[in-house]
């Protein structure tokens, strides 16, 4: 699926993230969100822990140029799995950062909420 509401939600949250504002993702996350990040030694469970982590990096992450590459959504009942590659350029984390991302969204009262996030590093394109 090339176009889906969760892609639009993710793009809007990424735009805020790349300007130092993690609130876009916090507003999308469900209270029972689970979060994996290669900078953390363990999974974060719950919106309260994710909020604490994001508040610690608020205003520190910037990427003047970035790409969301090949987003794909698989919808299964009230769940949607979004996968994509993400590349940021000349940002706070270095000249170029490459990521894989999987987000699992759950539809609650006609609203999509993130229930699981997994970020990992990816290799350079050949």
PDB file of N, CA and C in Angstrom:
ATOM      1  N   UNK A   1       0.848  -1.168   0.000  1.00  0.00           N
ATOM      2  CA  UNK A   1       0.000   0.000   0.000  1.00  0.00           C
ATOM      3  C   UNK A   1       0.898   1.236   0.000  1.00  0.00           C
ATOM      4  N   UNK A   2       0.803   2.045  -1.042  1.00  0.00           N
ATOM      5  CA  UNK A   2       1.682   3.202  -1.174  1.00  0.00           C
ATOM      6  C   UNK A   2       1.174   4.432  -0.440  1.00  0.00           C
ATOM      7  N   UNK A   3      -0.146   4.549  -0.289  1.00  0.00           N
ATOM      8  CA  UNK A   3      -0.663   5.693   0.453  1.00  0.00           C
ATOM      9  C   UNK A   3      -1.605   5.193   1.541  1.00  0.00           C
ATOM     10  N   UNK A   4      -1.372   5.677   2.734  1.00  0.00           N
ATOM     11  CA  UNK A   4      -2.182   5.299   3.882  1.00  0.00           C
ATOM     12  C   UNK A   4      -2.103   6.437   4.888  1.00  0.00           C
ATOM     13  N   UNK A   5      -3.129   6.595   5.665  1.00  0.00           N
ATOM     14  CA  UNK A   5      -3.175   7.646   6.675  1.00  0.00           C
ATOM     15  C   UNK A   5      -1.973   7.594   7.613  1.00  0.00           C
ATOM     16  N   UNK A   6      -1.521   6.386   7.996  1.00  0.00           N
ATOM     17  CA  UNK A   6      -0.394   6.320   8.937  1.00  0.00           C
ATOM     18  C   UNK A   6       0.894   6.864   8.315  1.00  0.00           C
ATOM     19  N   UNK A   7       1.039   6.786   7.008  1.00  0.00           N
ATOM     20  CA  UNK A   7       2.217   7.390   6.360  1.00  0.00           C
ATOM     21  C   UNK A   7       2.177   8.901   6.543  1.00  0.00           C
ATOM     22  N   UNK A   8       1.005   9.493   6.364  1.00  0.00           N
ATOM     23  CA  UNK A   8       0.866  10.935   6.574  1.00  0.00           C
ATOM     24  C   UNK A   8       1.148  11.321   8.024  1.00  0.00           C
ATOM     25  N   UNK A   9       0.643  10.528   8.956  1.00  0.00           N
ATOM     26  CA  UNK A   9       0.891  10.791  10.376  1.00  0.00           C
ATOM     27  C   UNK A   9       2.388  10.707  10.688  1.00  0.00           C
ATOM     28  N   UNK A  10       3.030   9.681  10.152  1.00  0.00           N
ATOM     29  CA  UNK A  10       4.462   9.476  10.390  1.00  0.00           C
ATOM     30  C   UNK A  10       5.283  10.612   9.790  1.00  0.00           C
ATOM     31  N   UNK A  11       4.945  11.032   8.576  1.00  0.00           N
ATOM     32  CA  UNK A  11       5.673  12.135   7.939  1.00  0.00           C
ATOM     33  C   UNK A  11       5.564  13.416   8.755  1.00  0.00           C
ATOM     34  N   UNK A  12       4.387  13.691   9.274  1.00  0.00           N
ATOM     35  CA  UNK A  12       4.203  14.894  10.087  1.00  0.00           C
ATOM     36  C   UNK A  12       5.019  14.807  11.380  1.00  0.00           C
ATOM     37  N   UNK A  13       5.045  13.637  12.010  1.00  0.00           N
ATOM     38  CA  UNK A  13       5.828  13.459  13.240  1.00  0.00           C
ATOM     39  C   UNK A  13       7.320  13.561  12.942  1.00  0.00           C
ATOM     40  N   UNK A  14       7.765  13.000  11.821  1.00  0.00           N
ATOM     41  CA  UNK A  14       9.179  13.086  11.440  1.00  0.00           C
ATOM     42  C   UNK A  14       9.603  14.533  11.177  1.00  0.00           C
ATOM     43  N   UNK A  15       8.721  15.312  10.562  1.00  0.00           N
ATOM     44  CA  UNK A  15       9.040  16.722  10.299  1.00  0.00           C
ATOM     45  C   UNK A  15       9.273  17.464  11.612  1.00  0.00           C
ATOM     46  N   UNK A  16       8.453  17.187  12.608  1.00  0.00           N
ATOM     47  CA  UNK A  16       8.641  17.815  13.919  1.00  0.00           C
ATOM     48  C   UNK A  16       9.924  17.297  14.581  1.00  0.00           C
ATOM     49  N   UNK A  17      10.143  15.976  14.498  1.00  0.00           N
ATOM     50  CA  UNK A  17      11.336  15.360  15.094  1.00  0.00           C
ATOM     51  C   UNK A  17      12.606  16.015  14.547  1.00  0.00           C
ATOM     52  N   UNK A  18      12.659  16.201  13.245  1.00  0.00           N
ATOM     53  CA  UNK A  18      13.857  16.749  12.604  1.00  0.00           C
ATOM     54  C   UNK A  18      14.055  18.228  12.900  1.00  0.00           C
ATOM     55  N   UNK A  19      13.105  18.821  13.604  1.00  0.00           N
ATOM     56  CA  UNK A  19      13.232  20.196  14.082  1.00  0.00           C
ATOM     57  C   UNK A  19      13.330  20.249  15.605  1.00  0.00           C
ATOM     58  N   UNK A  20      13.721  19.121  16.212  1.00  0.00           N
ATOM     59  CA  UNK A  20      13.969  19.091  17.645  1.00  0.00           C
ATOM     60  C   UNK A  20      12.754  18.853  18.521  1.00  0.00           C
ATOM     61  N   UNK A  21      11.600  18.557  17.911  1.00  0.00           N
ATOM     62  CA  UNK A  21      10.356  18.404  18.665  1.00  0.00           C
ATOM     63  C   UNK A  21       9.840  16.970  18.595  1.00  0.00           C
ATOM     64  N   UNK A  22      10.003  16.179  19.658  1.00  0.00           N
ATOM     65  CA  UNK A  22       9.517  14.801  19.649  1.00  0.00           C
ATOM     66  C   UNK A  22       8.023  14.668  19.932  1.00  0.00           C
ATOM     67  N   UNK A  23       7.337  15.778  20.180  1.00  0.00           N
ATOM     68  CA  UNK A  23       5.936  15.708  20.590  1.00  0.00           C
ATOM     69  C   UNK A  23       5.029  15.075  19.546  1.00  0.00           C
ATOM     70  N   UNK A  24       5.377  15.168  18.281  1.00  0.00           N
ATOM     71  CA  UNK A  24       4.554  14.536  17.249  1.00  0.00           C
ATOM     72  C   UNK A  24       4.431  13.041  17.480  1.00  0.00           C
ATOM     73  N   UNK A  25       5.546  12.410  17.843  1.00  0.00           N
ATOM     74  CA  UNK A  25       5.511  10.972  18.135  1.00  0.00           C
ATOM     75  C   UNK A  25       4.838  10.688  19.464  1.00  0.00           C
ATOM     76  N   UNK A  26       5.039  11.544  20.449  1.00  0.00           N
ATOM     77  CA  UNK A  26       4.388  11.337  21.744  1.00  0.00           C
ATOM     78  C   UNK A  26       2.872  11.436  21.606  1.00  0.00           C
ATOM     79  N   UNK A  27       2.400  12.379  20.806  1.00  0.00           N
ATOM     80  CA  UNK A  27       0.961  12.544  20.592  1.00  0.00           C
ATOM     81  C   UNK A  27       0.352  11.365  19.859  1.00  0.00           C
ATOM     82  N   UNK A  28       1.139  10.671  19.036  1.00  0.00           N
ATOM     83  CA  UNK A  28       0.660   9.499  18.303  1.00  0.00           C
ATOM     84  C   UNK A  28       0.734   8.209  19.108  1.00  0.00           C
ATOM     85  N   UNK A  29       1.558   8.180  20.145  1.00  0.00           N
ATOM     86  CA  UNK A  29       1.817   6.939  20.862  1.00  0.00           C
ATOM     87  C   UNK A  29       0.701   6.593  21.848  1.00  0.00           C
ATOM     88  N   UNK A  30       0.386   5.302  21.896  1.00  0.00           N
ATOM     89  CA  UNK A  30      -0.599   4.781  22.836  1.00  0.00           C
ATOM     90  C   UNK A  30       0.022   4.684  24.227  1.00  0.00           C
ATOM     91  N   UNK A  31      -0.785   4.665  25.268  1.00  0.00           N
ATOM     92  CA  UNK A  31      -0.238   4.535  26.626  1.00  0.00           C
ATOM     93  C   UNK A  31       0.618   3.285  26.815  1.00  0.00           C
ATOM     94  N   UNK A  32       0.326   2.207  26.072  1.00  0.00           N
ATOM     95  CA  UNK A  32       1.066   0.950  26.220  1.00  0.00           C
ATOM     96  C   UNK A  32       2.140   0.755  25.156  1.00  0.00           C
ATOM     97  N   UNK A  33       2.634   1.838  24.588  1.00  0.00           N
ATOM     98  CA  UNK A  33       3.646   1.762  23.533  1.00  0.00           C
ATOM     99  C   UNK A  33       4.897   1.016  24.013  1.00  0.00           C
ATOM    100  N   UNK A  34       5.500   0.278  23.097  1.00  0.00           N
ATOM    101  CA  UNK A  34       6.805  -0.369  23.326  1.00  0.00           C
ATOM    102  C   UNK A  34       7.775   0.241  22.323  1.00  0.00           C
ATOM    103  N   UNK A  35       9.000   0.558  22.776  1.00  0.00           N
ATOM    104  CA  UNK A  35       9.930   1.322  21.951  1.00  0.00           C
ATOM    105  C   UNK A  35      11.327   0.713  22.004  1.00  0.00           C
ATOM    106  N   UNK A  36      11.868   0.424  20.821  1.00  0.00           N
ATOM    107  CA  UNK A  36      13.246  -0.059  20.676  1.00  0.00           C
ATOM    108  C   UNK A  36      14.056   0.982  19.918  1.00  0.00           C
ATOM    109  N   UNK A  37      15.276   1.210  20.367  1.00  0.00           N
ATOM    110  CA  UNK A  37      16.158   2.204  19.769  1.00  0.00           C
ATOM    111  C   UNK A  37      17.589   1.690  19.947  1.00  0.00           C
ATOM    112  N   UNK A  38      18.458   1.785  18.920  1.00  0.00           N
ATOM    113  CA  UNK A  38      19.819   1.269  19.069  1.00  0.00           C
ATOM    114  C   UNK A  38      20.660   2.036  20.085  1.00  0.00           C
ATOM    115  N   UNK A  39      20.200   3.201  20.518  1.00  0.00           N
ATOM    116  CA  UNK A  39      20.931   3.956  21.531  1.00  0.00           C
ATOM    117  C   UNK A  39      20.546   3.541  22.953  1.00  0.00           C
ATOM    118  N   UNK A  40      19.590   2.646  23.077  1.00  0.00           N
ATOM    119  CA  UNK A  40      19.127   2.178  24.390  1.00  0.00           C
ATOM    120  C   UNK A  40      19.491   0.717  24.583  1.00  0.00           C
ATOM    121  N   UNK A  41      19.785   0.343  25.799  1.00  0.00           N
ATOM    122  CA  UNK A  41      20.170  -1.042  26.081  1.00  0.00           C
ATOM    123  C   UNK A  41      18.971  -1.966  26.255  1.00  0.00           C
ATOM    124  N   UNK A  42      17.792  -1.401  26.420  1.00  0.00           N
ATOM    125  CA  UNK A  42      16.604  -2.239  26.591  1.00  0.00           C
ATOM    126  C   UNK A  42      15.378  -1.534  26.027  1.00  0.00           C
ATOM    127  N   UNK A  43      14.307  -2.281  25.904  1.00  0.00           N
ATOM    128  CA  UNK A  43      13.042  -1.746  25.402  1.00  0.00           C
ATOM    129  C   UNK A  43      12.449  -0.803  26.454  1.00  0.00           C
ATOM    130  N   UNK A  44      11.816   0.276  25.975  1.00  0.00           N
ATOM    131  CA  UNK A  44      11.052   1.150  26.859  1.00  0.00           C
ATOM    132  C   UNK A  44       9.591   0.720  26.773  1.00  0.00           C
ATOM    133  N   UNK A  45       8.961   0.537  27.911  1.00  0.00           N
ATOM    134  CA  UNK A  45       7.558   0.137  27.957  1.00  0.00           C
ATOM    135  C   UNK A  45       6.713   1.251  28.544  1.00  0.00           C
ATOM    136  N   UNK A  46       5.785   1.741  27.762  1.00  0.00           N
ATOM    137  CA  UNK A  46       4.831   2.735  28.234  1.00  0.00           C
ATOM    138  C   UNK A  46       5.163   4.148  27.817  1.00  0.00           C
ATOM    139  N   UNK A  47       4.103   4.917  27.662  1.00  0.00           N
ATOM    140  CA  UNK A  47       4.234   6.303  27.228  1.00  0.00           C
ATOM    141  C   UNK A  47       4.994   7.157  28.238  1.00  0.00           C
ATOM    142  N   UNK A  48       4.869   6.849  29.522  1.00  0.00           N
ATOM    143  CA  UNK A  48       5.590   7.627  30.525  1.00  0.00           C
ATOM    144  C   UNK A  48       7.104   7.496  30.365  1.00  0.00           C
ATOM    145  N   UNK A  49       7.587   6.280  30.099  1.00  0.00           N
ATOM    146  CA  UNK A  49       9.032   6.084  29.908  1.00  0.00           C
ATOM    147  C   UNK A  49       9.502   6.676  28.582  1.00  0.00           C
ATOM    148  N   UNK A  50       8.695   6.542  27.542  1.00  0.00           N
ATOM    149  CA  UNK A  50       9.054   7.132  26.255  1.00  0.00           C
ATOM    150  C   UNK A  50       9.105   8.654  26.377  1.00  0.00           C
ATOM    151  N   UNK A  51       8.149   9.230  27.078  1.00  0.00           N
ATOM    152  CA  UNK A  51       8.131  10.684  27.275  1.00  0.00           C
ATOM    153  C   UNK A  51       9.381  11.144  28.009  1.00  0.00           C
ATOM    154  N   UNK A  52       9.764  10.447  29.057  1.00  0.00           N
ATOM    155  CA  UNK A  52      10.967  10.815  29.809  1.00  0.00           C
ATOM    156  C   UNK A  52      12.208  10.762  28.919  1.00  0.00           C
ATOM    157  N   UNK A  53      12.305   9.718  28.094  1.00  0.00           N
ATOM    158  CA  UNK A  53      13.447   9.589  27.184  1.00  0.00           C
ATOM    159  C   UNK A  53      13.454  10.736  26.170  1.00  0.00           C
ATOM    160  N   UNK A  54      12.314  10.985  25.555  1.00  0.00           N
ATOM    161  CA  UNK A  54      12.239  12.041  24.544  1.00  0.00           C
ATOM    162  C   UNK A  54      12.477  13.427  25.142  1.00  0.00           C
ATOM    163  N   UNK A  55      12.013  13.653  26.364  1.00  0.00           N
ATOM    164  CA  UNK A  55      12.255  14.961  26.984  1.00  0.00           C
ATOM    165  C   UNK A  55      13.751  15.192  27.179  1.00  0.00           C
ATOM    166  N   UNK A  56      14.509  14.129  27.395  1.00  0.00           N
ATOM    167  CA  UNK A  56      15.955  14.244  27.545  1.00  0.00           C
ATOM    168  C   UNK A  56      16.684  14.627  26.265  1.00  0.00           C
ATOM    169  N   UNK A  57      16.030  14.421  25.114  1.00  0.00           N
ATOM    170  CA  UNK A  57      16.664  14.780  23.837  1.00  0.00           C
ATOM    171  C   UNK A  57      15.916  15.894  23.101  1.00  0.00           C
ATOM    172  N   UNK A  58      14.879  16.417  23.732  1.00  0.00           N
ATOM    173  CA  UNK A  58      14.113  17.516  23.116  1.00  0.00           C
ATOM    174  C   UNK A  58      15.065  18.666  22.788  1.00  0.00           C
ATOM    175  N   UNK A  59      14.957  19.186  21.569  1.00  0.00           N
ATOM    176  CA  UNK A  59      15.781  20.317  21.152  1.00  0.00           C
ATOM    177  C   UNK A  59      17.200  19.963  20.755  1.00  0.00           C
ATOM    178  N   UNK A  60      17.545  18.671  20.774  1.00  0.00           N
ATOM    179  CA  UNK A  60      18.911  18.256  20.462  1.00  0.00           C
ATOM    180  C   UNK A  60      19.034  17.522  19.130  1.00  0.00           C
ATOM    181  N   UNK A  61      17.938  17.106  18.558  1.00  0.00           N
ATOM    182  CA  UNK A  61      17.951  16.367  17.298  1.00  0.00           C
ATOM    183  C   UNK A  61      17.487  17.301  16.181  1.00  0.00           C
ATOM    184  N   UNK A  62      18.335  17.472  15.178  1.00  0.00           N
ATOM    185  CA  UNK A  62      17.994  18.320  14.040  1.00  0.00           C
ATOM    186  C   UNK A  62      18.496  17.673  12.757  1.00  0.00           C
ATOM    187  N   UNK A  63      17.714  17.769  11.731  1.00  0.00           N
ATOM    188  CA  UNK A  63      18.115  17.299  10.407  1.00  0.00           C
ATOM    189  C   UNK A  63      17.488  18.243   9.379  1.00  0.00           C
ATOM    190  N   UNK A  64      18.290  19.109   8.791  1.00  0.00           N
ATOM    191  CA  UNK A  64      17.742  20.055   7.824  1.00  0.00           C
ATOM    192  C   UNK A  64      17.238  19.387   6.548  1.00  0.00           C
ATOM    193  N   UNK A  65      17.746  18.178   6.281  1.00  0.00           N
ATOM    194  CA  UNK A  65      17.296  17.452   5.085  1.00  0.00           C
ATOM    195  C   UNK A  65      17.179  15.983   5.458  1.00  0.00           C
ATOM    196  N   UNK A  66      16.086  15.358   5.023  1.00  0.00           N
ATOM    197  CA  UNK A  66      15.856  13.952   5.339  1.00  0.00           C
ATOM    198  C   UNK A  66      14.921  13.343   4.302  1.00  0.00           C
ATOM    199  N   UNK A  67      14.930  12.025   4.259  1.00  0.00           N
ATOM    200  CA  UNK A  67      14.065  11.293   3.332  1.00  0.00           C
ATOM    201  C   UNK A  67      13.410  10.121   4.058  1.00  0.00           C
ATOM    202  N   UNK A  68      12.150   9.919   3.786  1.00  0.00           N
ATOM    203  CA  UNK A  68      11.428   8.710   4.177  1.00  0.00           C
ATOM    204  C   UNK A  68      11.364   7.877   2.899  1.00  0.00           C
ATOM    205  N   UNK A  69      12.037   6.735   2.899  1.00  0.00           N
ATOM    206  CA  UNK A  69      12.202   5.952   1.678  1.00  0.00           C
ATOM    207  C   UNK A  69      11.335   4.693   1.716  1.00  0.00           C
ATOM    208  N   UNK A  70      10.611   4.477   0.642  1.00  0.00           N
ATOM    209  CA  UNK A  70       9.828   3.260   0.414  1.00  0.00           C
ATOM    210  C   UNK A  70       8.902   2.894   1.573  1.00  0.00           C
ATOM    211  N   UNK A  71       8.062   3.855   2.035  1.00  0.00           N
ATOM    212  CA  UNK A  71       7.130   3.477   3.091  1.00  0.00           C
ATOM    213  C   UNK A  71       6.131   2.446   2.579  1.00  0.00           C
ATOM    214  N   UNK A  72       5.837   1.489   3.441  1.00  0.00           N
ATOM    215  CA  UNK A  72       4.887   0.435   3.079  1.00  0.00           C
ATOM    216  C   UNK A  72       4.006   0.152   4.290  1.00  0.00           C
ATOM    217  N   UNK A  73       2.726   0.060   4.060  1.00  0.00           N
ATOM    218  CA  UNK A  73       1.770  -0.233   5.127  1.00  0.00           C
ATOM    219  C   UNK A  73       1.060  -1.529   4.800  1.00  0.00           C
ATOM    220  N   UNK A  74       0.992  -2.396   5.801  1.00  0.00           N
ATOM    221  CA  UNK A  74       0.176  -3.597   5.728  1.00  0.00           C
ATOM    222  C   UNK A  74      -0.868  -3.458   6.820  1.00  0.00           C
ATOM    223  N   UNK A  75      -2.133  -3.373   6.415  1.00  0.00           N
ATOM    224  CA  UNK A  75      -3.210  -3.230   7.378  1.00  0.00           C
ATOM    225  C   UNK A  75      -3.807  -4.600   7.668  1.00  0.00           C
ATOM    226  N   UNK A  76      -3.977  -4.886   8.960  1.00  0.00           N
ATOM    227  CA  UNK A  76      -4.525  -6.165   9.405  1.00  0.00           C
ATOM    228  C   UNK A  76      -5.586  -5.847  10.446  1.00  0.00           C
ATOM    229  N   UNK A  77      -6.829  -5.848  10.050  1.00  0.00           N
ATOM    230  CA  UNK A  77      -7.902  -5.502  10.987  1.00  0.00           C
ATOM    231  C   UNK A  77      -7.710  -4.099  11.526  1.00  0.00           C
ATOM    232  N   UNK A  78      -7.620  -3.975  12.844  1.00  0.00           N
ATOM    233  CA  UNK A  78      -7.418  -2.674  13.487  1.00  0.00           C
ATOM    234  C   UNK A  78      -5.951  -2.351  13.723  1.00  0.00           C
ATOM    235  N   UNK A  79      -5.069  -3.038  13.009  1.00  0.00           N
ATOM    236  CA  UNK A  79      -3.636  -2.771  13.117  1.00  0.00           C
ATOM    237  C   UNK A  79      -3.079  -2.427  11.744  1.00  0.00           C
ATOM    238  N   UNK A  80      -2.040  -1.621  11.746  1.00  0.00           N
ATOM    239  CA  UNK A  80      -1.325  -1.290  10.520  1.00  0.00           C
ATOM    240  C   UNK A  80       0.165  -1.331  10.838  1.00  0.00           C
ATOM    241  N   UNK A  81       0.913  -2.044  10.016  1.00  0.00           N
ATOM    242  CA  UNK A  81       2.362  -2.138  10.183  1.00  0.00           C
ATOM    243  C   UNK A  81       3.002  -1.260   9.107  1.00  0.00           C
ATOM    244  N   UNK A  82       3.741  -0.269   9.552  1.00  0.00           N
ATOM    245  CA  UNK A  82       4.450   0.646   8.658  1.00  0.00           C
ATOM    246  C   UNK A  82       5.928   0.319   8.711  1.00  0.00           C
ATOM    247  N   UNK A  83       6.531   0.111   7.556  1.00  0.00           N
ATOM    248  CA  UNK A  83       7.981  -0.069   7.472  1.00  0.00           C
ATOM    249  C   UNK A  83       8.518   0.937   6.465  1.00  0.00           C
ATOM    250  N   UNK A  84       9.725   1.439   6.755  1.00  0.00           N
ATOM    251  CA  UNK A  84      10.373   2.365   5.828  1.00  0.00           C
ATOM    252  C   UNK A  84      11.839   2.498   6.199  1.00  0.00           C
ATOM    253  N   UNK A  85      12.597   3.065   5.291  1.00  0.00           N
ATOM    254  CA  UNK A  85      13.968   3.464   5.568  1.00  0.00           C
ATOM    255  C   UNK A  85      13.959   4.974   5.743  1.00  0.00           C
ATOM    256  N   UNK A  86      14.863   5.458   6.585  1.00  0.00           N
ATOM    257  CA  UNK A  86      14.935   6.885   6.867  1.00  0.00           C
ATOM    258  C   UNK A  86      16.386   7.306   6.785  1.00  0.00           C
ATOM    259  N   UNK A  87      16.644   8.396   6.067  1.00  0.00           N
ATOM    260  CA  UNK A  87      18.000   8.934   5.955  1.00  0.00           C
ATOM    261  C   UNK A  87      17.942  10.416   6.315  1.00  0.00           C
ATOM    262  N   UNK A  88      18.816  10.805   7.227  1.00  0.00           N
ATOM    263  CA  UNK A  88      18.939  12.227   7.547  1.00  0.00           C
ATOM    264  C   UNK A  88      20.329  12.688   7.123  1.00  0.00           C
ATOM    265  N   UNK A  89      20.406  13.950   6.671  1.00  0.00           N
ATOM    266  CA  UNK A  89      21.647  14.503   6.150  1.00  0.00           C
ATOM    267  C   UNK A  89      22.030  15.770   6.912  1.00  0.00           C
ATOM    268  N   UNK A  90      23.325  15.885   7.211  1.00  0.00           N
ATOM    269  CA  UNK A  90      23.904  17.086   7.821  1.00  0.00           C
ATOM    270  C   UNK A  90      23.155  17.507   9.073  1.00  0.00           C
ATOM    271  N   UNK A  91      22.780  16.536   9.865  1.00  0.00           N
ATOM    272  CA  UNK A  91      22.039  16.833  11.076  1.00  0.00           C
ATOM    273  C   UNK A  91      22.895  16.762  12.322  1.00  0.00           C
ATOM    274  N   UNK A  92      22.239  16.780  13.456  1.00  0.00           N
ATOM    275  CA  UNK A  92      22.916  16.762  14.745  1.00  0.00           C
ATOM    276  C   UNK A  92      23.634  15.450  15.007  1.00  0.00           C
ATOM    277  N   UNK A  93      23.252  14.379  14.292  1.00  0.00           N
ATOM    278  CA  UNK A  93      23.868  13.071  14.511  1.00  0.00           C
ATOM    279  C   UNK A  93      24.989  12.759  13.522  1.00  0.00           C
ATOM    280  N   UNK A  94      25.324  13.699  12.651  1.00  0.00           N
ATOM    281  CA  UNK A  94      26.407  13.470  11.704  1.00  0.00           C
ATOM    282  C   UNK A  94      25.993  13.806  10.288  1.00  0.00           C
ATOM    283  N   UNK A  95      26.933  13.621   9.361  1.00  0.00           N
ATOM    284  CA  UNK A  95      26.692  13.986   7.968  1.00  0.00           C
ATOM    285  C   UNK A  95      25.558  13.185   7.347  1.00  0.00           C
ATOM    286  N   UNK A  96      25.471  11.916   7.722  1.00  0.00           N
ATOM    287  CA  UNK A  96      24.418  11.075   7.161  1.00  0.00           C
ATOM    288  C   UNK A  96      24.136   9.938   8.126  1.00  0.00           C
ATOM    289  N   UNK A  97      22.864   9.748   8.427  1.00  0.00           N
ATOM    290  CA  UNK A  97      22.432   8.634   9.279  1.00  0.00           C
ATOM    291  C   UNK A  97      21.386   7.850   8.505  1.00  0.00           C
ATOM    292  N   UNK A  98      21.544   6.510   8.523  1.00  0.00           N
ATOM    293  CA  UNK A  98      20.611   5.627   7.815  1.00  0.00           C
ATOM    294  C   UNK A  98      19.940   4.701   8.814  1.00  0.00           C
ATOM    295  N   UNK A  99      18.635   4.603   8.694  1.00  0.00           N
ATOM    296  CA  UNK A  99      17.826   3.848   9.642  1.00  0.00           C
ATOM    297  C   UNK A  99      16.832   2.950   8.921  1.00  0.00           C
ATOM    298  N   UNK A 100      16.437   1.891   9.610  1.00  0.00           N
ATOM    299  CA  UNK A 100      15.252   1.105   9.278  1.00  0.00           C
ATOM    300  C   UNK A 100      14.256   1.398  10.389  1.00  0.00           C
ATOM    301  N   UNK A 101      12.990   1.457  10.041  1.00  0.00           N
ATOM    302  CA  UNK A 101      11.973   1.686  11.060  1.00  0.00           C
ATOM    303  C   UNK A 101      10.770   0.795  10.803  1.00  0.00           C
ATOM    304  N   UNK A 102      10.254   0.248  11.883  1.00  0.00           N
ATOM    305  CA  UNK A 102       8.975  -0.451  11.867  1.00  0.00           C
ATOM    306  C   UNK A 102       8.113   0.163  12.952  1.00  0.00           C
ATOM    307  N   UNK A 103       6.924   0.584  12.581  1.00  0.00           N
ATOM    308  CA  UNK A 103       5.954   1.119  13.534  1.00  0.00           C
ATOM    309  C   UNK A 103       4.684   0.285  13.402  1.00  0.00           C
ATOM    310  N   UNK A 104       4.147  -0.133  14.523  1.00  0.00           N
ATOM    311  CA  UNK A 104       2.861  -0.822  14.527  1.00  0.00           C
ATOM    312  C   UNK A 104       1.850   0.147  15.111  1.00  0.00           C
ATOM    313  N   UNK A 105       0.827   0.417  14.341  1.00  0.00           N
ATOM    314  CA  UNK A 105      -0.254   1.308  14.756  1.00  0.00           C
ATOM    315  C   UNK A 105      -1.494   0.477  15.071  1.00  0.00           C
ATOM    316  N   UNK A 106      -2.274   0.963  16.031  1.00  0.00           N
ATOM    317  CA  UNK A 106      -3.554   0.341  16.368  1.00  0.00           C
ATOM    318  C   UNK A 106      -4.628   1.422  16.198  1.00  0.00           C
ATOM    319  N   UNK A 107      -5.718   1.031  15.534  1.00  0.00           N
ATOM    320  CA  UNK A 107      -6.829   1.973  15.356  1.00  0.00           C
ATOM    321  C   UNK A 107      -7.710   1.918  16.603  1.00  0.00           C
ATOM    322  N   UNK A 108      -7.858   3.060  17.254  1.00  0.00           N
ATOM    323  CA  UNK A 108      -8.685   3.191  18.458  1.00  0.00           C
ATOM    324  C   UNK A 108      -9.651   4.341  18.248  1.00  0.00           C
ATOM    325  N   UNK A 109     -10.936   4.048  18.241  1.00  0.00           N
ATOM    326  CA  UNK A 109     -11.948   5.103  18.058  1.00  0.00           C
ATOM    327  C   UNK A 109     -11.645   5.964  16.836  1.00  0.00           C
ATOM    328  N   UNK A 110     -11.375   5.307  15.713  1.00  0.00           N
ATOM    329  CA  UNK A 110     -11.111   5.958  14.419  1.00  0.00           C
ATOM    330  C   UNK A 110      -9.802   6.759  14.414  1.00  0.00           C
ATOM    331  N   UNK A 111      -8.945   6.544  15.396  1.00  0.00           N
ATOM    332  CA  UNK A 111      -7.660   7.239  15.449  1.00  0.00           C
ATOM    333  C   UNK A 111      -6.544   6.203  15.478  1.00  0.00           C
ATOM    334  N   UNK A 112      -5.497   6.424  14.683  1.00  0.00           N
ATOM    335  CA  UNK A 112      -4.343   5.531  14.669  1.00  0.00           C
ATOM    336  C   UNK A 112      -3.362   5.947  15.755  1.00  0.00           C
ATOM    337  N   UNK A 113      -2.914   4.976  16.565  1.00  0.00           N
ATOM    338  CA  UNK A 113      -1.957   5.211  17.647  1.00  0.00           C
ATOM    339  C   UNK A 113      -0.802   4.225  17.515  1.00  0.00           C
ATOM    340  N   UNK A 114       0.412   4.671  17.791  1.00  0.00           N
ATOM    341  CA  UNK A 114       1.585   3.800  17.738  1.00  0.00           C
ATOM    342  C   UNK A 114       1.610   2.930  18.992  1.00  0.00           C
ATOM    343  N   UNK A 115       1.733   1.619  18.780  1.00  0.00           N
ATOM    344  CA  UNK A 115       1.843   0.694  19.916  1.00  0.00           C
ATOM    345  C   UNK A 115       3.211   0.030  19.971  1.00  0.00           C
ATOM    346  N   UNK A 116       3.958   0.098  18.881  1.00  0.00           N
ATOM    347  CA  UNK A 116       5.305  -0.485  18.878  1.00  0.00           C
ATOM    348  C   UNK A 116       6.158   0.243  17.860  1.00  0.00           C
ATOM    349  N   UNK A 117       7.367   0.597  18.278  1.00  0.00           N
ATOM    350  CA  UNK A 117       8.347   1.254  17.414  1.00  0.00           C
ATOM    351  C   UNK A 117       9.657   0.496  17.504  1.00  0.00           C
ATOM    352  N   UNK A 118      10.288   0.307  16.360  1.00  0.00           N
ATOM    353  CA  UNK A 118      11.610  -0.317  16.350  1.00  0.00           C
ATOM    354  C   UNK A 118      12.480   0.414  15.333  1.00  0.00           C
ATOM    355  N   UNK A 119      13.513   1.088  15.828  1.00  0.00           N
ATOM    356  CA  UNK A 119      14.508   1.760  14.994  1.00  0.00           C
ATOM    357  C   UNK A 119      15.795   0.947  15.028  1.00  0.00           C
ATOM    358  N   UNK A 120      16.436   0.790  13.877  1.00  0.00           N
ATOM    359  CA  UNK A 120      17.735   0.134  13.805  1.00  0.00           C
ATOM    360  C   UNK A 120      18.568   0.817  12.720  1.00  0.00           C
ATOM    361  N   UNK A 121      19.870   0.665  12.837  1.00  0.00           N
ATOM    362  CA  UNK A 121      20.765   1.214  11.809  1.00  0.00           C
ATOM    363  C   UNK A 121      20.755   0.315  10.594  1.00  0.00           C
ATOM    364  N   UNK A 122      20.966   0.916   9.454  1.00  0.00           N
ATOM    365  CA  UNK A 122      21.092   0.137   8.229  1.00  0.00           C
ATOM    366  C   UNK A 122      22.409   0.504   7.563  1.00  0.00           C
ATOM    367  N   UNK A 123      22.872  -0.371   6.681  1.00  0.00           N
ATOM    368  CA  UNK A 123      24.120  -0.122   5.974  1.00  0.00           C
ATOM    369  C   UNK A 123      23.950   0.885   4.876  1.00  0.00           C
ATOM    370  N   UNK A 124      25.039   1.309   4.354  1.00  0.00           N
ATOM    371  CA  UNK A 124      25.017   2.247   3.218  1.00  0.00           C
ATOM    372  C   UNK A 124      24.588   1.531   1.948  1.00  0.00           C
ATOM    373  N   UNK A 125      23.944   2.310   1.086  1.00  0.00           N
ATOM    374  CA  UNK A 125      23.573   1.736  -0.216  1.00  0.00           C
ATOM    375  C   UNK A 125      24.821   1.534  -1.042  1.00  0.00           C
ATOM    376  N   UNK A 126      24.829   0.478  -1.810  1.00  0.00           N
ATOM    377  CA  UNK A 126      25.978   0.155  -2.654  1.00  0.00           C
ATOM    378  C   UNK A 126      25.969   0.951  -3.926  1.00  0.00           C
TER     379      UNK A 126
END
